[in-house]
Amino acid sequence: MSNREREARIHELLNQVQQQRLDLSAARRDWLTGTAHYDRGWLTLLSMRRYLAIGSSALAIWSIRSPNRIMRWAKRGFGLWSTWRMIKSTLATR
C-alpha cells in the first residue's frame, strides 16, 4: 500500500468515525427527548420522597388504631379500580 493510499484510507476512516459520532449525538438527543417525560416524573417522585415517608408512617399508625376503616377503604379502592378497568376495556373494544 502506497503512502497516498494509506492517507486516503486514514482520511476515509476518520470521516466514518466523525459520521458515527454525529449519529450517536443525534440518537442521544432523540433518546433524551423521548424519555424526558419519565425523567420529570422520576425527579418529582424523588423530590416527594420525604413527604411519602411521613405519609406512610402516619398511615401505618392510623391503620394500627383502626384496621377496619383501612380495610373498608381498600375494598372501595379496589372496587373503583376494577370498575375503571372494566369501563376502559369496554370502551377500547368499540
Protein backbone atom coordinates (compact mmCIF):
# COMPACT_ATOMS: atom_id res chain seq x y z
CA MET A 1 0.00 0.00 0.00
CA SER A 2 1.46 3.31 -1.03
CA ASN A 3 1.68 6.30 1.23
CA ARG A 4 -1.06 8.10 -0.71
CA GLU A 5 -3.45 5.13 -0.46
CA ARG A 6 -2.71 4.84 3.24
CA GLU A 7 -3.51 8.52 3.83
CA ALA A 8 -6.70 8.22 1.79
CA ARG A 9 -7.74 5.20 3.89
CA ILE A 10 -6.99 7.08 7.11
CA HIS A 11 -8.99 10.06 5.88
CA GLU A 12 -11.89 7.77 4.96
CA LEU A 13 -11.82 6.12 8.39
CA LEU A 14 -11.70 9.49 10.16
CA ASN A 15 -14.71 10.64 8.15
CA GLN A 16 -16.53 7.44 9.09
CA VAL A 17 -15.74 7.96 12.79
CA GLN A 18 -16.94 11.56 12.59
CA GLN A 19 -20.21 10.44 11.00
CA GLN A 20 -20.70 7.80 13.68
CA ARG A 21 -20.16 10.44 16.37
CA LEU A 22 -22.78 12.66 14.73
CA ASP A 23 -25.20 9.73 14.54
CA LEU A 24 -24.64 8.92 18.22
CA SER A 25 -25.19 12.54 19.16
CA ALA A 26 -28.47 12.64 17.24
CA ALA A 27 -29.60 9.34 18.76
CA ARG A 28 -28.75 10.64 22.25
CA ARG A 29 -30.80 13.79 21.63
CA ASP A 30 -33.76 11.73 20.38
CA TRP A 31 -33.47 9.39 23.38
CA LEU A 32 -33.40 12.28 25.86
CA THR A 33 -36.38 13.90 24.15
CA GLY A 34 -38.34 10.65 24.21
CA THR A 35 -37.64 9.90 27.85
CA ALA A 36 -37.95 13.46 29.21
CA HIS A 37 -41.48 12.79 30.49
CA TYR A 38 -40.33 9.79 32.52
CA ASP A 39 -37.30 11.68 33.82
CA ARG A 40 -39.50 14.52 35.09
CA GLY A 41 -41.82 12.02 36.78
CA TRP A 42 -38.90 10.24 38.44
CA LEU A 43 -37.43 13.52 39.69
CA THR A 44 -40.84 14.53 41.04
CA LEU A 45 -41.11 11.22 42.87
CA LEU A 46 -37.62 11.65 44.32
CA SER A 47 -38.42 15.18 45.48
CA MET A 48 -41.57 13.90 47.22
CA ARG A 49 -39.72 11.07 48.98
CA ARG A 50 -39.68 12.87 52.34
CA TYR A 51 -43.43 13.51 52.24
CA LEU A 52 -44.17 9.95 51.17
CA ALA A 53 -42.15 8.64 54.12
CA ILE A 54 -44.06 10.87 56.55
CA GLY A 55 -47.39 9.94 54.95
CA SER A 56 -46.69 6.22 55.03
CA SER A 57 -45.66 6.45 58.69
CA ALA A 58 -48.86 8.30 59.53
CA LEU A 59 -50.88 5.74 57.57
CA ALA A 60 -49.19 2.88 59.44
CA ILE A 61 -50.04 4.40 62.80
CA TRP A 62 -53.60 5.16 61.67
CA SER A 63 -54.06 1.60 60.35
CA ILE A 64 -52.99 0.11 63.67
CA ARG A 65 -55.52 2.23 65.51
CA SER A 66 -58.44 1.48 63.14
CA PRO A 67 -57.82 -1.55 60.90
CA ASN A 68 -61.49 -1.94 59.90
CA ARG A 69 -61.56 1.52 58.36
CA ILE A 70 -58.44 0.77 56.31
CA MET A 71 -59.95 -2.48 55.03
CA ARG A 72 -63.16 -0.67 54.09
CA TRP A 73 -61.25 1.96 52.10
CA ALA A 74 -59.07 -0.71 50.49
CA LYS A 75 -62.18 -2.56 49.30
CA ARG A 76 -63.65 0.67 47.94
CA GLY A 77 -60.40 1.47 46.15
CA PHE A 78 -60.21 -1.99 44.64
CA GLY A 79 -63.84 -1.71 43.56
CA LEU A 80 -63.19 1.65 41.89
CA TRP A 81 -60.08 0.31 40.19
CA SER A 82 -61.96 -2.76 38.90
CA THR A 83 -64.80 -0.57 37.65
CA TRP A 84 -62.35 1.70 35.85
CA ARG A 85 -60.64 -1.27 34.18
CA MET A 86 -63.99 -2.67 33.05
CA ILE A 87 -65.10 0.68 31.60
CA LYS A 88 -61.75 1.17 29.92
CA SER A 89 -61.79 -2.29 28.34
CA THR A 90 -65.39 -1.85 27.22
CA LEU A 91 -64.66 1.50 25.56
CA ALA A 92 -61.49 0.16 23.97
CA THR A 93 -63.37 -2.62 22.12
CA ARG A 94 -65.68 -0.15 20.41
